[in-house]
Amino acid sequence: MEDDYAAPHLPTDIMYKIPAHISDPASLARLASSCKFWRDLIKDPTFLDRLRRQHRDHAFTPSLLLGFFLQDKKHHIDKTRCLAPSFVPISELSRFVGSKSARNAIEPLSLETFIPGLGASLNFYKPFASQDNFLVLCRQLKVDNGQDMKDVLCVCNPLTGETFEIPHHRYVPPNHYVLFVTNDVDSYGRVSQSFQLTAIFWLKKAKSFVCVCYSSKTGTWTRAEGEPELMPDLYLVSCSAAASGGVIHWLCGTSEQMSLTHVATLHIENMGLSYLELPPEAKRIKIPVLANSADGGILLLFMQGLEMSLWKHTGALGSDSSSSWVLSEKIDMRSSLPQRVATLGSRAKVRLEMFGGKSGVVVLRVIGEGLFLFSLSDGSMREIDSVTKDYFLCPYEIDWLSCLAITNLVVDGSLSQDVERKKAQDRWRTLMGMNLATNGAS
């Protein structure tokens, strides 16, 4: 075997500059996996700090979306057929170009592919939230002679193979679960992750929020102090929410105008509410979607006919002014959609399902055609499903720091036994699909 420390035959100053020009996490992972020289350089705290500042100004990074965890809703209803959630890598999706598409022949991967031993223990669970490598699964059970329901929760990390059983909370199933992940660095520079799972209850009559939070550090649920009330005359559009950095954004409208008017932001730490007025163009739209960008900003995406508009909020949170929104991009979707849909024009039924603010990918449901994945970064379209099945669908979007952390785990000998290191490598390569070379450093 060649010396893993062997460095490329280039001037030292040039070698140190090369990684600084790479912002794509999959490319950095490939470089870090090639030899110890690059790995040690990329793991250096000075490089990571510089890369973090660079990434905050970076645009969409499509490779952050590794794929989708999904479950067929019909199988979920049929208790005799419902299996654990499965995974479809982005690298396996057929590229769709206008009226032509190669049909998918995908056999979704079982969750047991990444976390051996789960098997039937996660049957009947549905995926419904993910953040920076972690995936939240939920199953509802009837209690008290079938009169009430309770949630059974599980959080897992398919990249590391970890599974966390979450204790029951004593509340009825909430309106939302939101996952917040924190990268923790100890005094030795080692990166680990902790998470907070927040259950949001929306009290319609009181128009107020109640939150209970589970911390992976304490292993307990606690109820947040305070029950903030929504501003008078506003109603909540609960189907469109975006969460990041301890805040959750919802779209709101007024009953008087019967249209969307604001983004309401709930700050979990102090249970405070702030508001942001929507741009006038968005107030006439029925179903826009929200997302958080890589730099922590708010993104708003909506369709008008077959034209997609992307807006970004550039001001501080709490500045209630529509002038702080900037139109980032307008995209004509006619050349990307199936020809039959494009010819219908404004009569076509295209619905925005999900929007990944870091990766810049949008899930579209085209009525009569199926689910499609559109990339705002390069304009490509991929087919998720060519039929009209209905899924519990959860995008698996990772963070670039987490990406490098698991790369270090795979290749630097942190795992004491070779067999465990090999398992970690296999999980990593399976999830990344074609985004990562199969020959890593040993």
Protein backbone atom coordinates (compact mmCIF):
# COMPACT_ATOMS: atom_id res chain seq x y z
CA MET A 1 0.00 0.00 0.00
CA GLU A 2 1.21 3.47 -0.82
CA ASP A 3 2.10 5.83 1.98
CA ASP A 4 -1.18 7.48 3.00
CA TYR A 5 0.74 10.60 3.99
CA ALA A 6 2.15 11.06 0.50
CA ALA A 7 1.36 14.60 -0.64
CA PRO A 8 0.94 15.77 -4.24
CA HIS A 9 4.11 17.14 -5.85
CA LEU A 10 3.04 20.80 -5.84
CA PRO A 11 4.40 23.91 -4.11
CA THR A 12 3.21 24.02 -0.50
CA ASP A 13 1.48 27.41 -0.78
CA ILE A 14 -0.57 26.15 -3.74
CA MET A 15 -1.58 22.94 -1.94
CA TYR A 16 -2.85 24.93 1.04
CA LYS A 17 -4.97 27.12 -1.24
CA ILE A 18 -6.71 24.31 -3.14
CA PRO A 19 -9.29 23.28 -0.48
CA ALA A 20 -10.17 26.94 0.12
CA HIS A 21 -11.68 27.06 -3.38
CA ILE A 22 -13.95 24.06 -2.76
CA SER A 23 -17.31 24.71 -1.11
CA ASP A 24 -19.18 21.58 -2.20
CA PRO A 25 -19.24 19.08 0.71
CA ALA A 26 -19.14 15.99 -1.49
CA SER A 27 -15.98 17.24 -3.21
CA LEU A 28 -14.38 18.04 0.16
CA ALA A 29 -15.32 14.56 1.38
CA ARG A 30 -13.64 12.98 -1.63
CA LEU A 31 -10.52 15.08 -1.07
CA ALA A 32 -10.41 14.32 2.68
CA SER A 33 -10.77 10.61 1.93
CA SER A 34 -7.89 10.50 -0.56
CA CYS A 35 -4.93 10.78 1.84
CA LYS A 36 -3.94 11.95 5.32
CA PHE A 37 -2.28 15.11 4.02
CA TRP A 38 -5.55 16.53 2.66
CA ARG A 39 -7.52 15.14 5.59
CA ASP A 40 -5.31 16.84 8.18
CA LEU A 41 -5.45 20.10 6.24
CA ILE A 42 -9.26 20.06 5.99
CA LYS A 43 -9.64 19.12 9.68
CA ASP A 44 -7.51 22.08 10.77
CA PRO A 45 -9.67 24.50 12.88
CA THR A 46 -8.35 27.51 10.94
CA PHE A 47 -9.50 26.02 7.64
CA LEU A 48 -12.91 25.08 9.06
CA ASP A 49 -13.47 28.58 10.44
CA ARG A 50 -12.59 30.13 7.09
CA LEU A 51 -14.80 27.66 5.23
CA ARG A 52 -17.70 28.40 7.59
CA ARG A 53 -17.51 32.12 6.76
CA GLN A 54 -17.26 31.34 3.05
CA HIS A 55 -20.24 29.00 3.19
CA ARG A 56 -22.49 31.62 4.76
CA ASP A 57 -22.27 33.58 1.52
CA HIS A 58 -22.50 30.51 -0.70
CA ALA A 59 -25.51 29.81 -2.91
CA PHE A 60 -27.44 26.54 -3.11
CA THR A 61 -25.42 23.31 -2.74
CA PRO A 62 -27.44 20.49 -4.39
CA SER A 63 -25.23 17.68 -3.00
CA LEU A 64 -26.47 18.49 0.53
CA LEU A 65 -29.68 16.62 -0.36
CA LEU A 66 -28.76 12.94 -0.26
CA GLY A 67 -32.23 11.57 -0.98
CA PHE A 68 -35.67 10.93 0.49
CA PHE A 69 -37.00 8.76 3.27
CA LEU A 70 -40.51 7.70 2.36
CA GLN A 71 -43.43 5.47 3.17
CA ASP A 72 -46.47 4.66 1.05
CA LYS A 73 -49.53 6.12 2.80
CA LYS A 74 -51.70 3.21 1.67
CA HIS A 75 -49.28 0.76 3.28
CA HIS A 76 -49.38 2.89 6.42
CA ILE A 77 -53.17 2.50 6.59
CA ASP A 78 -52.99 -1.23 5.84
CA LYS A 79 -51.39 -2.45 9.07
CA THR A 80 -50.67 -5.88 7.58
CA ARG A 81 -48.39 -4.41 4.88
CA CYS A 82 -46.79 -1.39 6.53
CA LEU A 83 -42.99 -1.63 6.69
CA ALA A 84 -40.30 0.60 8.11
CA PRO A 85 -39.51 3.76 6.09
CA SER A 86 -37.23 3.28 3.09
CA PHE A 87 -34.68 5.51 1.38
CA VAL A 88 -34.25 6.61 -2.25
CA PRO A 89 -30.86 8.23 -3.05
CA ILE A 90 -30.86 11.25 -5.36
CA SER A 91 -28.17 9.55 -7.45
CA GLU A 92 -30.71 6.86 -8.41
CA LEU A 93 -33.37 9.23 -9.72
CA SER A 94 -33.79 9.40 -13.49
CA ARG A 95 -33.03 12.75 -15.07
CA PHE A 96 -36.12 14.24 -16.70
CA VAL A 97 -35.82 16.49 -19.76
CA GLY A 98 -38.99 18.05 -21.11
CA SER A 99 -41.23 15.44 -22.69
CA LYS A 100 -38.62 12.66 -22.39
CA SER A 101 -37.78 10.70 -19.29
CA ALA A 102 -36.05 7.43 -18.54
CA ARG A 103 -38.42 5.50 -16.30
CA ASN A 104 -37.20 4.84 -12.78
CA ALA A 105 -36.59 1.26 -11.74
CA ILE A 106 -35.74 2.04 -8.14
CA GLU A 107 -35.91 -0.46 -5.33
CA PRO A 108 -35.90 1.77 -2.21
CA LEU A 109 -33.32 0.91 0.40
CA SER A 110 -34.49 -0.31 3.78
CA LEU A 111 -33.57 1.78 6.81
CA GLU A 112 -31.95 -1.41 8.10
CA THR A 113 -29.35 -0.92 5.34
CA PHE A 114 -27.86 1.87 7.46
CA ILE A 115 -28.84 0.75 10.96
CA PRO A 116 -28.66 -3.06 11.20
CA GLY A 117 -30.97 -4.76 13.64
CA LEU A 118 -33.92 -2.41 13.30
CA GLY A 119 -35.97 -4.77 11.15
CA ALA A 120 -39.64 -4.78 12.06
CA SER A 121 -39.10 -2.58 15.12
CA LEU A 122 -39.85 0.49 12.99
CA ASN A 123 -42.85 -0.92 11.13
CA PHE A 124 -45.77 1.56 11.14
CA TYR A 125 -43.42 4.52 11.71
CA LYS A 126 -43.51 7.41 9.26
CA PRO A 127 -40.66 9.86 8.52
CA PHE A 128 -41.64 13.46 9.04
CA ALA A 129 -38.64 15.62 9.95
CA SER A 130 -34.89 15.71 9.36
CA GLN A 131 -32.07 18.13 10.06
CA ASP A 132 -28.30 17.83 9.52
CA ASN A 133 -28.11 14.00 9.32
CA PHE A 134 -30.80 13.24 11.93
CA LEU A 135 -34.17 11.72 11.00
CA VAL A 136 -37.33 11.79 13.15
CA LEU A 137 -39.80 8.90 12.92
CA CYS A 138 -43.25 8.77 14.51
CA ARG A 139 -45.94 6.20 15.13
CA GLN A 140 -49.37 6.95 16.60
CA LEU A 141 -50.97 4.55 19.08
CA LYS A 142 -54.44 4.51 20.57
CA VAL A 143 -54.69 4.72 24.37
CA ASP A 144 -57.50 4.78 26.95
CA ASN A 145 -59.72 2.28 25.12
CA GLY A 146 -59.13 3.97 21.77
CA GLN A 147 -60.43 7.38 22.82
CA ASP A 148 -57.08 9.20 22.64
CA MET A 149 -53.85 9.00 20.67
CA LYS A 150 -50.21 9.24 21.69
CA ASP A 151 -47.04 9.57 19.66
CA VAL A 152 -44.20 7.06 19.84
CA LEU A 153 -41.03 8.79 18.63
CA CYS A 154 -37.62 7.70 17.45
CA VAL A 155 -34.67 9.80 16.27
CA CYS A 156 -31.90 8.13 14.29
CA ASN A 157 -28.75 9.11 12.42
CA PRO A 158 -28.36 6.89 9.33
CA LEU A 159 -24.83 8.19 8.76
CA THR A 160 -23.50 7.07 12.15
CA GLY A 161 -25.95 4.20 12.73
CA GLU A 162 -27.19 5.69 16.02
CA THR A 163 -30.78 5.33 17.25
CA PHE A 164 -32.37 7.34 20.06
CA GLU A 165 -35.62 6.21 21.66
CA ILE A 166 -37.50 9.28 22.82
CA PRO A 167 -39.55 8.94 26.05
CA HIS A 168 -43.26 9.67 25.83
CA HIS A 169 -44.48 13.14 26.69
CA ARG A 170 -47.82 13.41 28.50
CA TYR A 171 -49.43 15.68 25.91
CA VAL A 172 -51.77 14.84 23.04
CA PRO A 173 -50.14 14.67 19.57
CA PRO A 174 -48.97 18.19 18.64
CA ASN A 175 -49.53 20.13 15.44
CA HIS A 176 -45.79 20.15 14.58
CA TYR A 177 -42.52 18.52 15.52
CA VAL A 178 -39.41 20.57 14.77
CA LEU A 179 -35.83 19.29 14.99
CA PHE A 180 -32.88 21.56 15.86
CA VAL A 181 -29.34 20.14 15.60
CA THR A 182 -26.24 21.70 17.17
CA ASN A 183 -22.62 20.99 16.27
CA ASP A 184 -20.66 20.81 19.54
CA VAL A 185 -16.86 21.15 19.60
CA ASP A 186 -14.94 20.08 22.71
CA SER A 187 -11.63 21.48 23.98
CA TYR A 188 -9.75 18.98 21.81
CA GLY A 189 -11.48 20.16 18.62
CA ARG A 190 -13.59 17.01 18.24
CA VAL A 191 -17.00 17.56 16.67
CA SER A 192 -20.14 15.91 18.03
CA GLN A 193 -23.82 16.65 17.57
CA SER A 194 -26.73 17.14 19.94
CA PHE A 195 -30.35 17.78 19.08
CA GLN A 196 -33.54 19.29 20.45
CA LEU A 197 -36.92 17.94 19.37
CA THR A 198 -39.64 20.54 19.86
CA ALA A 199 -43.36 19.75 19.88
CA ILE A 200 -45.56 22.71 18.90
CA PHE A 201 -49.20 22.93 20.00
CA TRP A 202 -51.41 25.52 18.34
CA LEU A 203 -54.37 26.48 20.56
CA LYS A 204 -56.85 27.75 17.99
CA LYS A 205 -59.36 29.30 20.38
CA ALA A 206 -56.71 31.16 22.34
CA LYS A 207 -54.61 31.70 19.16
CA SER A 208 -51.51 30.90 21.18
CA PHE A 209 -48.50 28.54 21.01
CA VAL A 210 -47.41 25.95 23.59
CA CYS A 211 -44.02 24.20 23.24
CA VAL A 212 -42.48 21.18 24.93
CA CYS A 213 -38.84 20.36 24.13
CA TYR A 214 -36.78 17.17 24.38
CA SER A 215 -33.00 17.57 24.71
CA SER A 216 -30.63 14.76 23.75
CA LYS A 217 -28.21 16.10 26.39
CA THR A 218 -30.63 15.82 29.31
CA GLY A 219 -32.83 13.01 27.97
CA THR A 220 -35.99 14.74 29.26
CA TRP A 221 -38.95 16.79 28.04
CA THR A 222 -39.47 20.31 29.43
CA ARG A 223 -42.27 22.75 28.81
CA ALA A 224 -41.23 26.19 27.56
CA GLU A 225 -42.34 29.13 29.66
CA GLY A 226 -44.94 31.43 28.15
CA GLU A 227 -47.77 30.99 25.64
CA PRO A 228 -47.37 33.76 23.04
CA GLU A 229 -50.51 34.82 21.20
CA LEU A 230 -50.71 35.46 17.50
CA MET A 231 -51.35 39.06 16.46
CA PRO A 232 -55.09 39.92 16.32
CA ASP A 233 -56.91 39.20 13.03
CA LEU A 234 -54.21 36.77 11.84
CA TYR A 235 -54.66 33.06 11.18
CA LEU A 236 -51.90 30.46 10.85
CA VAL A 237 -51.15 28.47 7.68
CA SER A 238 -49.77 25.43 9.45
CA CYS A 239 -48.81 23.49 6.32
CA SER A 240 -45.95 25.84 5.46
CA ALA A 241 -43.24 26.15 8.11
CA ALA A 242 -39.45 26.52 8.14
CA ALA A 243 -37.17 26.03 11.14
CA SER A 244 -33.51 26.77 11.77
CA GLY A 245 -31.30 28.17 14.51
CA GLY A 246 -33.94 28.04 17.26
CA VAL A 247 -36.68 29.88 15.31
CA ILE A 248 -39.73 28.63 13.40
CA HIS A 249 -41.43 30.56 10.61
CA TRP A 250 -45.06 30.22 9.53
CA LEU A 251 -47.12 31.93 6.87
CA CYS A 252 -50.07 33.92 8.19
CA GLY A 253 -53.08 35.61 6.64
CA THR A 254 -55.96 37.83 7.71
CA SER A 255 -59.55 36.68 7.89
CA GLU A 256 -60.70 40.10 6.72
CA GLN A 257 -58.69 40.07 3.49
CA MET A 258 -58.71 36.26 3.08
CA SER A 259 -55.14 36.40 1.81
CA LEU A 260 -51.63 35.86 3.10
CA THR A 261 -50.03 38.91 4.68
CA HIS A 262 -47.16 38.01 7.06
CA VAL A 263 -44.49 35.57 8.16
CA ALA A 264 -44.79 34.90 11.90
CA THR A 265 -41.57 33.83 13.65
CA LEU A 266 -41.55 31.99 16.98
CA HIS A 267 -38.28 32.28 18.95
CA ILE A 268 -38.08 29.10 21.04
CA GLU A 269 -35.55 30.37 23.61
CA ASN A 270 -37.74 33.21 24.92
CA MET A 271 -41.08 32.18 23.34
CA GLY A 272 -41.37 35.53 21.60
CA LEU A 273 -43.21 36.25 18.35
CA SER A 274 -42.10 38.63 15.61
CA TYR A 275 -43.68 39.42 12.25
CA LEU A 276 -42.55 40.16 8.73
CA GLU A 277 -44.86 41.54 6.06
CA LEU A 278 -44.88 39.58 2.79
CA PRO A 279 -44.02 41.24 -0.54
CA PRO A 280 -47.19 42.39 -2.37
CA GLU A 281 -46.64 39.82 -5.14
CA ALA A 282 -46.89 36.94 -2.66
CA LYS A 283 -50.13 38.07 -1.02
CA ARG A 284 -52.16 36.95 -4.02
CA ILE A 285 -50.69 33.44 -4.02
CA LYS A 286 -52.61 30.54 -2.49
CA ILE A 287 -49.86 28.13 -1.51
CA PRO A 288 -46.30 29.51 -1.35
CA VAL A 289 -43.60 27.65 0.61
CA LEU A 290 -40.99 28.86 3.09
CA ALA A 291 -37.41 27.72 3.67
CA ASN A 292 -34.26 28.81 5.48
CA SER A 293 -31.17 29.60 3.43
CA ALA A 294 -27.65 28.43 4.34
CA ASP A 295 -26.87 31.86 5.81
CA GLY A 296 -29.96 31.81 8.06
CA GLY A 297 -32.17 34.04 5.88
CA ILE A 298 -35.81 33.42 4.95
CA LEU A 299 -36.68 32.23 1.44
CA LEU A 300 -40.15 32.37 -0.13
CA LEU A 301 -41.05 30.36 -3.23
CA PHE A 302 -44.31 30.39 -5.19
CA MET A 303 -45.80 29.55 -8.59
CA GLN A 304 -47.82 31.83 -10.86
CA GLY A 305 -49.04 29.70 -13.71
CA LEU A 306 -45.90 27.89 -14.85
CA GLU A 307 -43.51 30.57 -13.63
CA MET A 308 -41.66 30.05 -10.35
CA SER A 309 -40.56 33.07 -8.27
CA LEU A 310 -37.91 32.99 -5.54
CA TRP A 311 -37.75 35.81 -2.95
CA LYS A 312 -35.25 36.33 -0.16
CA HIS A 313 -35.60 38.44 2.97
CA THR A 314 -32.51 40.59 3.45
CA GLY A 315 -33.36 42.53 6.63
CA ALA A 316 -33.25 41.65 10.31
CA LEU A 317 -35.93 39.42 11.82
CA GLY A 318 -38.73 41.46 13.29
CA SER A 319 -38.45 44.31 10.77
CA ASP A 320 -42.06 44.39 9.62
CA SER A 321 -41.49 45.79 6.15
CA SER A 322 -42.19 44.23 2.76
CA SER A 323 -39.37 46.35 1.27
CA SER A 324 -36.78 44.03 2.88
CA TRP A 325 -37.74 41.28 0.40
CA VAL A 326 -35.71 40.95 -2.79
CA LEU A 327 -36.80 39.04 -5.90
CA SER A 328 -33.90 36.64 -6.41
CA GLU A 329 -35.02 34.74 -9.49
CA LYS A 330 -37.89 34.00 -11.87
CA ILE A 331 -37.93 30.66 -13.67
CA ASP A 332 -40.08 29.63 -16.64
CA MET A 333 -40.90 25.98 -15.98
CA ARG A 334 -42.41 25.14 -19.39
CA SER A 335 -39.21 23.62 -20.80
CA SER A 336 -38.68 21.46 -17.71
CA LEU A 337 -42.15 20.02 -17.14
CA PRO A 338 -43.77 17.14 -19.07
CA GLN A 339 -44.92 18.35 -22.49
CA ARG A 340 -48.57 17.54 -21.83
CA VAL A 341 -48.49 19.76 -18.73
CA ALA A 342 -46.60 22.59 -20.43
CA THR A 343 -49.17 22.81 -23.24
CA LEU A 344 -51.94 23.34 -20.68
CA GLY A 345 -50.33 26.62 -19.61
CA SER A 346 -52.18 28.31 -16.76
CA ARG A 347 -54.66 25.39 -16.61
CA ALA A 348 -51.88 23.00 -15.57
CA LYS A 349 -52.00 21.76 -12.00
CA VAL A 350 -48.51 22.02 -10.49
CA ARG A 351 -48.18 22.15 -6.71
CA LEU A 352 -45.15 22.99 -4.60
CA GLU A 353 -44.66 20.26 -1.99
CA MET A 354 -41.27 20.96 -0.35
CA PHE A 355 -38.35 23.35 -0.63
CA GLY A 356 -34.80 22.74 0.64
CA GLY A 357 -33.21 26.10 1.38
CA LYS A 358 -29.63 24.80 1.65
CA SER A 359 -29.64 22.46 -1.33
CA GLY A 360 -32.01 24.59 -3.45
CA VAL A 361 -34.15 21.63 -4.51
CA VAL A 362 -37.93 21.81 -4.89
CA VAL A 363 -40.37 18.89 -4.84
CA LEU A 364 -43.25 19.43 -7.29
CA ARG A 365 -46.43 17.41 -7.57
CA VAL A 366 -47.69 17.47 -11.15
CA ILE A 367 -51.28 16.26 -11.11
CA GLY A 368 -51.63 13.17 -13.29
CA GLU A 369 -47.86 12.81 -13.77
CA GLY A 370 -46.31 12.22 -10.34
CA LEU A 371 -43.59 13.76 -8.17
CA PHE A 372 -40.58 15.62 -9.57
CA LEU A 373 -37.44 17.14 -8.10
CA PHE A 374 -36.32 20.50 -9.54
CA SER A 375 -32.92 22.06 -8.78
CA LEU A 376 -32.78 25.84 -8.50
CA SER A 377 -28.99 25.58 -8.76
CA ASP A 378 -28.70 24.11 -12.27
CA GLY A 379 -32.30 23.92 -13.53
CA SER A 380 -32.30 20.12 -13.76
CA MET A 381 -35.46 18.06 -13.23
CA ARG A 382 -35.57 14.51 -11.87
CA GLU A 383 -38.46 12.14 -11.57
CA ILE A 384 -39.17 10.88 -8.05
CA ASP A 385 -42.22 8.80 -8.95
CA SER A 386 -43.91 8.41 -12.33
CA VAL A 387 -47.29 7.38 -10.94
CA THR A 388 -49.68 9.05 -8.55
CA LYS A 389 -48.84 7.28 -5.31
CA ASP A 390 -49.16 9.32 -2.15
CA TYR A 391 -46.20 9.19 0.23
CA PHE A 392 -45.08 10.35 3.62
CA LEU A 393 -42.01 12.01 2.11
CA CYS A 394 -39.10 13.44 4.09
CA PRO A 395 -36.06 14.98 2.34
CA TYR A 396 -32.71 14.01 3.87
CA GLU A 397 -30.65 17.21 3.66
CA ILE A 398 -27.32 17.33 5.52
CA ASP A 399 -25.06 20.14 6.68
CA TRP A 400 -21.53 20.46 5.24
CA LEU A 401 -19.90 20.52 8.71
CA SER A 402 -21.72 17.32 9.60
CA CYS A 403 -20.57 15.91 6.29
CA LEU A 404 -16.92 16.54 7.18
CA ALA A 405 -17.43 15.25 10.71
CA ILE A 406 -18.67 11.88 9.50
CA THR A 407 -15.87 11.80 6.92
CA ASN A 408 -13.35 12.16 9.76
CA LEU A 409 -15.11 9.38 11.65
CA VAL A 410 -14.87 7.10 8.64
CA VAL A 411 -11.23 7.59 7.74
CA ASP A 412 -9.09 8.82 10.63
CA GLY A 413 -9.13 5.79 12.91
CA SER A 414 -11.58 7.25 15.47
CA LEU A 415 -13.37 3.91 15.41
CA SER A 416 -11.18 1.45 17.28
CA GLN A 417 -12.09 -1.64 15.28
CA ASP A 418 -11.64 -2.01 11.55
CA VAL A 419 -14.96 -3.82 11.20
CA GLU A 420 -16.84 -0.86 12.68
CA ARG A 421 -14.94 1.56 10.46
CA LYS A 422 -15.90 -0.53 7.42
CA LYS A 423 -19.58 -0.36 8.43
CA ALA A 424 -19.38 3.43 8.71
CA GLN A 425 -17.75 3.63 5.28
CA ASP A 426 -20.50 1.50 3.74
CA ARG A 427 -23.26 3.66 5.23
CA TRP A 428 -21.55 6.81 4.04
CA ARG A 429 -21.07 5.56 0.48
CA THR A 430 -24.60 4.19 0.22
CA LEU A 431 -26.19 7.45 1.32
CA MET A 432 -23.92 9.60 -0.83
CA GLY A 433 -24.46 7.35 -3.87
CA MET A 434 -22.43 8.55 -6.83
CA ASN A 435 -21.35 11.71 -4.98
CA LEU A 436 -18.42 9.99 -3.26
CA ALA A 437 -15.64 7.83 -4.65
CA THR A 438 -15.70 4.22 -3.48
CA ASN A 439 -11.99 4.06 -2.69
CA GLY A 440 -11.34 5.95 0.52
CA ALA A 441 -8.25 6.04 2.66
CA SER A 442 -7.78 3.18 5.04
